[in-house]
Amino acid sequence: MVYMNTKTLLTVKTDKNIKKAAKDIAEELGIPLGTLVNAFLRQFIRTKEVTLSSSLMPKRELIFAINESEREFMAGKSIVSKDLKELRKNLRAK
């Protein structure tokens, strides 16, 4: 029986930092980076679609602002308005 090597080399230029970050995350998951790239290509062939997503990781400043707003709300320091007219009135009163 003859086995043929059907693998080929794919050369892609990418930013050094992107490659390192992707490789590090792949290693954390225990998956070789080449396996992830091949899985992406198989999915692309199967679906003929490109699906990109991103986890939204808020910056530290945004997390701080959200937490501060929650504290103010829980302490009763927030102004709640039922509509735009009331909001404008409340903002002018400050």
Protein backbone atom coordinates (compact mmCIF):
# COMPACT_ATOMS: atom_id res chain seq x y z
CA MET A 1 0.00 0.00 0.00
CA VAL A 2 1.37 3.43 -0.95
CA TYR A 3 0.79 6.36 1.36
CA MET A 4 1.00 9.79 -0.19
CA ASN A 5 1.89 12.85 1.79
CA THR A 6 -0.96 15.23 1.01
CA LYS A 7 0.25 17.99 3.29
CA THR A 8 1.59 21.28 1.98
CA LEU A 9 3.17 24.31 3.54
CA LEU A 10 1.08 27.47 3.85
CA THR A 11 3.07 30.65 4.34
CA VAL A 12 1.18 33.59 5.76
CA LYS A 13 2.63 36.92 6.82
CA THR A 14 1.34 38.19 10.13
CA ASP A 15 2.49 40.54 12.83
CA LYS A 16 5.06 38.99 15.16
CA ASN A 17 3.04 39.94 18.26
CA ILE A 18 -0.17 38.44 16.85
CA LYS A 19 1.58 35.15 16.10
CA LYS A 20 3.13 35.00 19.57
CA ALA A 21 -0.15 35.83 21.32
CA ALA A 22 -2.05 33.24 19.26
CA LYS A 23 0.63 30.60 19.85
CA ASP A 24 0.66 31.30 23.61
CA ILE A 25 -3.12 30.99 23.87
CA ALA A 26 -3.12 27.84 21.75
CA GLU A 27 -0.48 26.34 24.06
CA GLU A 28 -2.61 27.24 27.10
CA LEU A 29 -5.46 25.32 25.47
CA GLY A 30 -3.13 22.44 24.60
CA ILE A 31 -3.69 22.80 20.86
CA PRO A 32 -0.93 23.40 18.31
CA LEU A 33 -1.37 26.64 16.37
CA GLY A 34 -1.29 24.72 13.07
CA THR A 35 -4.26 22.63 14.24
CA LEU A 36 -6.25 25.80 14.93
CA VAL A 37 -5.41 27.24 11.51
CA ASN A 38 -6.41 23.96 9.81
CA ALA A 39 -9.69 23.88 11.77
CA PHE A 40 -10.44 27.45 10.65
CA LEU A 41 -9.69 26.57 7.01
CA ARG A 42 -11.89 23.43 7.17
CA GLN A 43 -14.76 25.47 8.62
CA PHE A 44 -14.26 28.12 5.92
CA ILE A 45 -14.44 25.46 3.19
CA ARG A 46 -17.47 23.78 4.75
CA THR A 47 -19.53 26.94 5.37
CA LYS A 48 -18.08 29.32 2.75
CA GLU A 49 -18.34 31.96 5.47
CA VAL A 50 -15.92 33.92 7.60
CA THR A 51 -17.08 34.31 11.17
CA LEU A 52 -15.12 36.64 13.39
CA SER A 53 -15.99 37.36 16.98
CA SER A 54 -14.42 39.08 19.89
CA SER A 55 -14.90 38.90 23.60
CA LEU A 56 -15.49 42.34 24.91
CA MET A 57 -13.00 42.95 27.64
CA PRO A 58 -13.73 46.36 29.13
CA LYS A 59 -10.79 48.54 30.07
CA ARG A 60 -9.98 49.07 33.72
CA GLU A 61 -11.35 52.63 33.57
CA LEU A 62 -14.72 51.42 32.27
CA ILE A 63 -14.96 48.74 34.95
CA PHE A 64 -14.20 51.40 37.58
CA ALA A 65 -16.90 53.73 36.16
CA ILE A 66 -19.48 50.93 36.09
CA ASN A 67 -18.69 49.94 39.68
CA GLU A 68 -18.85 53.58 40.82
CA SER A 69 -22.22 54.01 39.10
CA GLU A 70 -23.55 50.87 40.79
CA ARG A 71 -22.38 52.13 44.20
CA GLU A 72 -24.05 55.50 43.62
CA PHE A 73 -27.26 53.81 42.50
CA MET A 74 -27.31 51.47 45.52
CA ALA A 75 -26.69 54.46 47.83
CA GLY A 76 -29.65 56.30 46.29
CA LYS A 77 -27.46 59.01 44.79
CA SER A 78 -28.58 58.39 41.21
CA ILE A 79 -31.21 60.48 39.50
CA VAL A 80 -33.81 58.33 37.77
CA SER A 81 -35.95 59.91 35.07
CA LYS A 82 -38.98 58.33 33.45
CA ASP A 83 -38.60 60.20 30.15
CA LEU A 84 -36.42 62.70 28.28
CA LYS A 85 -38.39 65.72 29.50
CA GLU A 86 -37.89 64.70 33.14
CA LEU A 87 -34.21 63.93 32.51
CA ARG A 88 -33.61 67.42 31.12
CA LYS A 89 -35.39 68.94 34.12
CA ASN A 90 -33.32 66.85 36.54
CA LEU A 91 -30.07 67.77 34.81
CA ARG A 92 -30.86 71.48 34.93
CA ALA A 93 -31.61 71.21 38.67
CA LYS A 94 -28.04 70.12 39.47
